[in-house]
N, C-alpha and C. Protein backbone atom coordinates (compact mmCIF):
# COMPACT_ATOMS: atom_id res chain seq x y z
N MET A 1 28.93 2.95 29.59
CA MET A 1 28.22 3.46 28.44
C MET A 1 28.72 4.85 28.11
N GLU A 2 28.74 5.14 26.83
CA GLU A 2 29.13 6.47 26.41
C GLU A 2 27.90 7.35 26.29
N GLU A 3 28.13 8.64 26.37
CA GLU A 3 27.02 9.58 26.21
C GLU A 3 26.52 9.54 24.78
N GLY A 4 25.24 9.79 24.58
CA GLY A 4 24.66 9.82 23.24
C GLY A 4 25.23 10.96 22.42
N GLY A 5 25.15 10.84 21.10
CA GLY A 5 25.59 11.91 20.24
C GLY A 5 26.93 11.62 19.58
N THR A 6 27.70 10.64 20.02
CA THR A 6 28.94 10.32 19.35
C THR A 6 28.63 9.32 18.24
N GLU A 7 29.50 9.29 17.24
CA GLU A 7 29.25 8.37 16.14
C GLU A 7 29.48 6.92 16.55
N ASP A 8 30.07 6.71 17.71
CA ASP A 8 30.34 5.39 18.23
C ASP A 8 29.13 4.80 18.97
N THR A 9 28.09 5.60 19.18
CA THR A 9 26.91 5.15 19.91
C THR A 9 25.90 4.57 18.93
N LEU A 10 25.42 3.36 19.27
CA LEU A 10 24.53 2.64 18.37
C LEU A 10 23.13 2.47 18.96
N VAL A 11 22.18 2.29 18.06
CA VAL A 11 20.83 1.87 18.41
C VAL A 11 20.67 0.48 17.79
N ILE A 12 20.37 -0.51 18.64
CA ILE A 12 20.32 -1.90 18.17
C ILE A 12 18.93 -2.50 18.40
N PRO A 13 18.19 -2.78 17.32
CA PRO A 13 16.93 -3.53 17.48
C PRO A 13 17.25 -5.01 17.75
N VAL A 14 16.55 -5.60 18.70
CA VAL A 14 16.79 -6.99 19.05
C VAL A 14 15.47 -7.75 18.96
N ARG A 15 15.49 -8.87 18.24
CA ARG A 15 14.33 -9.76 18.12
C ARG A 15 14.49 -10.85 19.17
N LEU A 16 13.58 -10.94 20.09
CA LEU A 16 13.60 -11.97 21.12
C LEU A 16 12.78 -13.15 20.61
N ILE A 17 13.44 -14.26 20.34
CA ILE A 17 12.76 -15.43 19.78
C ILE A 17 12.61 -16.46 20.89
N ARG A 18 11.40 -16.59 21.38
CA ARG A 18 11.12 -17.55 22.45
C ARG A 18 10.80 -18.92 21.88
N SER A 19 10.13 -18.97 20.74
CA SER A 19 9.80 -20.23 20.10
C SER A 19 9.92 -20.07 18.59
N PHE A 20 10.76 -20.90 17.98
CA PHE A 20 10.91 -20.85 16.53
C PHE A 20 9.69 -21.47 15.85
N GLU A 21 9.25 -22.62 16.34
CA GLU A 21 8.16 -23.32 15.66
C GLU A 21 6.82 -22.61 15.78
N TYR A 22 6.59 -21.87 16.85
CA TYR A 22 5.34 -21.13 17.01
C TYR A 22 5.49 -19.65 16.65
N ARG A 23 6.67 -19.27 16.18
CA ARG A 23 6.96 -17.88 15.80
C ARG A 23 6.61 -16.91 16.93
N ASN A 24 7.02 -17.27 18.12
CA ASN A 24 6.76 -16.44 19.30
C ASN A 24 7.92 -15.46 19.44
N ILE A 25 7.72 -14.22 18.93
CA ILE A 25 8.79 -13.24 18.82
C ILE A 25 8.33 -11.89 19.37
N GLN A 26 9.19 -11.23 20.10
CA GLN A 26 8.96 -9.86 20.57
C GLN A 26 10.17 -9.02 20.16
N HIS A 27 9.98 -7.72 20.06
CA HIS A 27 11.06 -6.83 19.65
C HIS A 27 11.33 -5.80 20.74
N ILE A 28 12.61 -5.51 20.95
CA ILE A 28 12.99 -4.41 21.82
C ILE A 28 14.07 -3.60 21.09
N VAL A 29 14.25 -2.37 21.51
CA VAL A 29 15.30 -1.53 20.95
C VAL A 29 16.22 -1.12 22.10
N VAL A 30 17.50 -1.38 21.92
CA VAL A 30 18.50 -1.03 22.93
C VAL A 30 19.25 0.19 22.41
N ARG A 31 19.23 1.25 23.20
CA ARG A 31 19.85 2.52 22.79
C ARG A 31 21.14 2.78 23.55
N ASP A 32 21.92 3.72 23.05
CA ASP A 32 23.16 4.16 23.69
C ASP A 32 24.13 3.01 23.92
N VAL A 33 24.35 2.23 22.89
CA VAL A 33 25.28 1.11 22.95
C VAL A 33 26.57 1.53 22.27
N SER A 34 27.69 1.29 22.91
CA SER A 34 28.98 1.60 22.31
C SER A 34 29.42 0.43 21.44
N SER A 35 29.96 0.72 20.28
CA SER A 35 30.43 -0.35 19.40
C SER A 35 31.66 -1.05 19.98
N SER A 36 32.28 -0.45 20.99
CA SER A 36 33.46 -1.07 21.61
C SER A 36 33.08 -2.07 22.71
N TRP A 37 31.79 -2.16 23.07
CA TRP A 37 31.35 -3.13 24.08
C TRP A 37 31.66 -4.53 23.60
N LEU A 38 32.04 -5.39 24.52
CA LEU A 38 32.15 -6.80 24.19
C LEU A 38 30.75 -7.37 24.03
N VAL A 39 30.60 -8.36 23.19
CA VAL A 39 29.29 -8.97 22.95
C VAL A 39 28.71 -9.51 24.26
N LYS A 40 29.57 -10.12 25.11
CA LYS A 40 29.06 -10.66 26.38
C LYS A 40 28.52 -9.56 27.29
N ASP A 41 29.12 -8.35 27.25
CA ASP A 41 28.61 -7.22 28.05
C ASP A 41 27.27 -6.72 27.49
N PHE A 42 27.19 -6.67 26.16
CA PHE A 42 25.94 -6.26 25.52
C PHE A 42 24.84 -7.26 25.85
N LEU A 43 25.16 -8.55 25.79
CA LEU A 43 24.18 -9.60 26.11
C LEU A 43 23.68 -9.44 27.54
N GLN A 44 24.57 -9.19 28.48
CA GLN A 44 24.16 -8.99 29.87
C GLN A 44 23.24 -7.78 30.01
N GLN A 45 23.55 -6.71 29.29
CA GLN A 45 22.71 -5.50 29.32
C GLN A 45 21.31 -5.80 28.78
N VAL A 46 21.25 -6.53 27.68
CA VAL A 46 19.96 -6.89 27.07
C VAL A 46 19.16 -7.79 28.02
N LEU A 47 19.81 -8.78 28.62
CA LEU A 47 19.12 -9.68 29.54
C LEU A 47 18.58 -8.92 30.74
N LYS A 48 19.33 -7.97 31.22
CA LYS A 48 18.87 -7.15 32.35
C LYS A 48 17.67 -6.30 31.93
N GLU A 49 17.74 -5.75 30.73
CA GLU A 49 16.65 -4.93 30.22
C GLU A 49 15.38 -5.75 30.00
N ILE A 50 15.52 -6.98 29.53
CA ILE A 50 14.37 -7.85 29.32
C ILE A 50 13.63 -8.09 30.63
N GLN A 51 14.37 -8.35 31.69
CA GLN A 51 13.75 -8.64 32.98
C GLN A 51 13.05 -7.44 33.60
N THR A 52 13.45 -6.24 33.22
CA THR A 52 12.85 -5.05 33.83
C THR A 52 11.78 -4.40 32.96
N ARG A 53 11.59 -4.88 31.74
CA ARG A 53 10.59 -4.29 30.84
C ARG A 53 9.20 -4.82 31.14
N SER A 54 8.34 -3.96 31.61
CA SER A 54 6.98 -4.38 31.94
C SER A 54 6.14 -4.62 30.69
N THR A 55 6.60 -4.13 29.53
CA THR A 55 5.84 -4.32 28.30
C THR A 55 6.01 -5.72 27.71
N LEU A 56 7.00 -6.46 28.19
CA LEU A 56 7.19 -7.83 27.71
C LEU A 56 6.37 -8.80 28.55
N PRO A 57 5.76 -9.79 27.92
CA PRO A 57 5.01 -10.80 28.69
C PRO A 57 5.96 -11.58 29.61
N PRO A 58 5.48 -12.01 30.76
CA PRO A 58 6.33 -12.76 31.71
C PRO A 58 7.09 -13.94 31.11
N PRO A 59 6.51 -14.72 30.18
CA PRO A 59 7.30 -15.83 29.63
C PRO A 59 8.60 -15.37 28.96
N PHE A 60 8.61 -14.19 28.37
CA PHE A 60 9.83 -13.66 27.76
C PHE A 60 10.81 -13.20 28.82
N ARG A 61 10.30 -12.62 29.88
CA ARG A 61 11.18 -12.10 30.94
C ARG A 61 11.87 -13.23 31.70
N LYS A 62 11.26 -14.42 31.71
CA LYS A 62 11.83 -15.55 32.45
C LYS A 62 12.60 -16.53 31.56
N PHE A 63 12.54 -16.36 30.26
CA PHE A 63 13.16 -17.29 29.32
C PHE A 63 14.69 -17.16 29.36
N ARG A 64 15.39 -18.27 29.17
CA ARG A 64 16.86 -18.26 29.22
C ARG A 64 17.46 -18.12 27.82
N PHE A 65 17.56 -16.89 27.35
CA PHE A 65 18.21 -16.59 26.07
C PHE A 65 19.72 -16.72 26.25
N ASP A 66 20.43 -17.20 25.20
CA ASP A 66 21.87 -17.33 25.36
C ASP A 66 22.72 -17.02 24.13
N THR A 67 22.09 -16.74 22.98
CA THR A 67 22.85 -16.56 21.75
C THR A 67 22.36 -15.35 20.96
N LEU A 68 23.30 -14.61 20.39
CA LEU A 68 22.99 -13.48 19.52
C LEU A 68 23.48 -13.77 18.10
N LYS A 69 22.65 -13.40 17.13
CA LYS A 69 23.01 -13.58 15.73
C LYS A 69 22.52 -12.36 14.95
N VAL A 70 23.31 -11.92 13.98
CA VAL A 70 22.90 -10.81 13.12
C VAL A 70 21.76 -11.30 12.24
N GLU A 71 20.63 -10.60 12.31
CA GLU A 71 19.48 -10.92 11.45
C GLU A 71 19.66 -10.23 10.10
N HIS A 72 19.91 -8.94 10.15
CA HIS A 72 20.25 -8.18 8.94
C HIS A 72 20.77 -6.81 9.34
N LYS A 73 21.52 -6.21 8.42
CA LYS A 73 22.04 -4.86 8.67
C LYS A 73 21.05 -3.86 8.09
N ALA A 74 21.11 -2.64 8.62
CA ALA A 74 20.19 -1.60 8.16
C ALA A 74 20.28 -1.44 6.65
N HIS A 75 19.15 -1.39 6.00
CA HIS A 75 19.02 -1.21 4.55
C HIS A 75 19.61 -2.37 3.77
N GLY A 76 19.79 -3.53 4.42
CA GLY A 76 20.34 -4.71 3.75
C GLY A 76 19.24 -5.70 3.41
N ALA A 77 19.63 -6.74 2.70
CA ALA A 77 18.68 -7.78 2.31
C ALA A 77 18.28 -8.60 3.53
N LYS A 78 17.04 -9.09 3.50
CA LYS A 78 16.53 -9.91 4.60
C LYS A 78 16.37 -11.35 4.12
N SER A 79 16.32 -12.24 5.07
CA SER A 79 16.16 -13.66 4.80
C SER A 79 14.72 -13.96 4.39
N ASN A 80 14.51 -15.07 3.69
CA ASN A 80 13.15 -15.49 3.32
C ASN A 80 12.44 -16.16 4.48
N ASP A 81 13.20 -16.62 5.47
CA ASP A 81 12.62 -17.28 6.63
C ASP A 81 12.08 -16.19 7.57
N PRO A 82 10.80 -16.20 7.88
CA PRO A 82 10.22 -15.14 8.71
C PRO A 82 10.65 -15.19 10.18
N VAL A 83 11.22 -16.31 10.62
CA VAL A 83 11.62 -16.44 12.01
C VAL A 83 13.06 -15.99 12.21
N ILE A 84 14.00 -16.57 11.46
CA ILE A 84 15.42 -16.24 11.62
C ILE A 84 16.18 -16.63 10.36
N ASN A 85 17.24 -15.92 10.10
CA ASN A 85 18.14 -16.25 9.00
C ASN A 85 18.98 -17.45 9.44
N THR A 86 18.79 -18.59 8.80
CA THR A 86 19.50 -19.80 9.21
C THR A 86 20.76 -20.05 8.39
N GLU A 87 21.13 -19.08 7.58
CA GLU A 87 22.32 -19.23 6.74
C GLU A 87 23.51 -18.52 7.38
N HIS A 88 24.70 -18.92 6.97
CA HIS A 88 25.95 -18.25 7.34
C HIS A 88 26.17 -18.11 8.84
N ASP A 89 25.89 -19.18 9.57
CA ASP A 89 26.09 -19.14 11.02
C ASP A 89 27.51 -18.74 11.40
N ASP A 90 28.49 -19.22 10.62
CA ASP A 90 29.88 -18.93 10.93
C ASP A 90 30.20 -17.44 10.85
N LEU A 91 29.49 -16.70 10.02
CA LEU A 91 29.73 -15.26 9.87
C LEU A 91 28.81 -14.41 10.74
N LEU A 92 27.59 -14.89 11.00
CA LEU A 92 26.58 -14.03 11.63
C LEU A 92 26.39 -14.26 13.13
N MET A 93 26.84 -15.40 13.67
CA MET A 93 26.77 -15.61 15.12
C MET A 93 27.79 -14.70 15.79
N LEU A 94 27.39 -14.04 16.86
CA LEU A 94 28.30 -13.13 17.53
C LEU A 94 29.16 -13.87 18.56
N ASP A 95 30.46 -13.63 18.49
CA ASP A 95 31.43 -14.22 19.42
C ASP A 95 31.42 -13.40 20.70
N LEU A 96 31.15 -14.04 21.83
CA LEU A 96 31.02 -13.33 23.11
C LEU A 96 32.27 -12.58 23.52
N ASP A 97 33.43 -13.00 23.05
CA ASP A 97 34.68 -12.37 23.47
C ASP A 97 35.18 -11.28 22.52
N LYS A 98 34.41 -10.95 21.50
CA LYS A 98 34.77 -9.88 20.57
C LYS A 98 33.89 -8.67 20.83
N SER A 99 34.34 -7.52 20.33
CA SER A 99 33.52 -6.31 20.45
C SER A 99 32.42 -6.35 19.39
N LEU A 100 31.40 -5.54 19.60
CA LEU A 100 30.32 -5.47 18.61
C LEU A 100 30.89 -5.03 17.26
N LYS A 101 31.82 -4.08 17.29
CA LYS A 101 32.42 -3.58 16.05
C LYS A 101 33.17 -4.69 15.32
N GLU A 102 33.93 -5.51 16.06
CA GLU A 102 34.67 -6.62 15.45
C GLU A 102 33.72 -7.64 14.82
N CYS A 103 32.52 -7.75 15.36
CA CYS A 103 31.52 -8.69 14.82
C CYS A 103 30.72 -8.08 13.67
N GLY A 104 31.03 -6.86 13.30
CA GLY A 104 30.35 -6.22 12.17
C GLY A 104 29.02 -5.57 12.52
N VAL A 105 28.76 -5.36 13.82
CA VAL A 105 27.50 -4.72 14.22
C VAL A 105 27.64 -3.21 14.03
N GLU A 106 26.73 -2.64 13.26
CA GLU A 106 26.69 -1.21 12.99
C GLU A 106 25.39 -0.65 13.56
N ASN A 107 25.22 0.66 13.44
CA ASN A 107 23.98 1.28 13.90
C ASN A 107 22.79 0.67 13.18
N GLU A 108 21.78 0.30 13.94
CA GLU A 108 20.53 -0.28 13.46
C GLU A 108 20.68 -1.66 12.83
N THR A 109 21.75 -2.37 13.16
CA THR A 109 21.87 -3.78 12.76
C THR A 109 20.90 -4.56 13.65
N GLU A 110 19.99 -5.29 13.03
CA GLU A 110 19.01 -6.05 13.82
C GLU A 110 19.62 -7.39 14.24
N LEU A 111 19.54 -7.65 15.54
CA LEU A 111 20.06 -8.89 16.09
C LEU A 111 18.92 -9.78 16.56
N SER A 112 19.13 -11.08 16.48
CA SER A 112 18.18 -12.05 17.03
C SER A 112 18.80 -12.64 18.29
N LEU A 113 17.99 -12.74 19.34
CA LEU A 113 18.41 -13.32 20.60
C LEU A 113 17.54 -14.55 20.85
N PHE A 114 18.17 -15.69 21.12
CA PHE A 114 17.44 -16.94 21.23
C PHE A 114 18.25 -17.93 22.06
N ARG A 115 17.68 -19.12 22.26
CA ARG A 115 18.38 -20.21 22.94
C ARG A 115 18.96 -21.13 21.86
N MET A 116 20.26 -21.36 21.91
CA MET A 116 20.96 -22.13 20.87
C MET A 116 20.38 -23.52 20.68
N GLU A 117 20.03 -24.20 21.74
CA GLU A 117 19.46 -25.54 21.66
C GLU A 117 18.20 -25.54 20.79
N ASP A 118 17.34 -24.55 20.96
CA ASP A 118 16.11 -24.44 20.17
C ASP A 118 16.44 -24.15 18.69
N TYR A 119 17.44 -23.31 18.47
CA TYR A 119 17.84 -22.95 17.10
C TYR A 119 18.34 -24.17 16.34
N VAL A 120 19.16 -24.99 16.97
CA VAL A 120 19.71 -26.19 16.33
C VAL A 120 18.57 -27.13 15.94
N GLN A 121 17.59 -27.30 16.82
CA GLN A 121 16.43 -28.16 16.51
C GLN A 121 15.62 -27.58 15.35
N TYR A 122 15.39 -26.26 15.36
CA TYR A 122 14.62 -25.62 14.30
C TYR A 122 15.34 -25.74 12.96
N LYS A 123 16.65 -25.52 12.98
CA LYS A 123 17.42 -25.56 11.74
C LYS A 123 17.41 -26.96 11.13
N ALA A 124 17.41 -27.99 11.97
CA ALA A 124 17.37 -29.37 11.49
C ALA A 124 16.01 -29.75 10.92
N ASN A 125 14.94 -29.14 11.45
CA ASN A 125 13.59 -29.48 11.03
C ASN A 125 12.72 -28.22 11.12
N LYS A 126 12.63 -27.47 10.04
CA LYS A 126 11.91 -26.19 10.03
C LYS A 126 10.41 -26.39 9.95
N VAL A 127 9.85 -26.86 11.04
CA VAL A 127 8.41 -27.07 11.13
C VAL A 127 7.80 -25.89 11.88
N VAL A 128 6.74 -25.33 11.28
CA VAL A 128 6.04 -24.22 11.93
C VAL A 128 4.68 -24.73 12.38
N LYS A 129 4.40 -24.55 13.67
CA LYS A 129 3.11 -24.98 14.23
C LYS A 129 2.26 -23.75 14.53
N TRP A 130 0.97 -23.94 14.48
CA TRP A 130 0.08 -22.80 14.78
C TRP A 130 -0.80 -23.13 15.90
């Protein structure tokens, strides 16, 4: 990690989506992230942080998240879907072997973290249960 204060250091809000159909979502903010980090390194850092955060309910700390997707960039347009932006998967899914910068992640770009299997099911049938 780089020291704070450089223009290369990012603050990344992350939406933890445990259930698409029940809209079970928590938010965390990851600070002091270098844009040169590989996505897989950032993912490991986030997963480690999730497990150590006492403010998150246990079901979130034990859930097996595996995919990151750009939800929206700071001051950009947001999706109409309140759970996740289901459009442009080819552009917005983060490639684990690229750097955050190569994936277009900038300061305050909001990312969604979820399980891909659940996302595919939700995208095929956008049913919301209460």
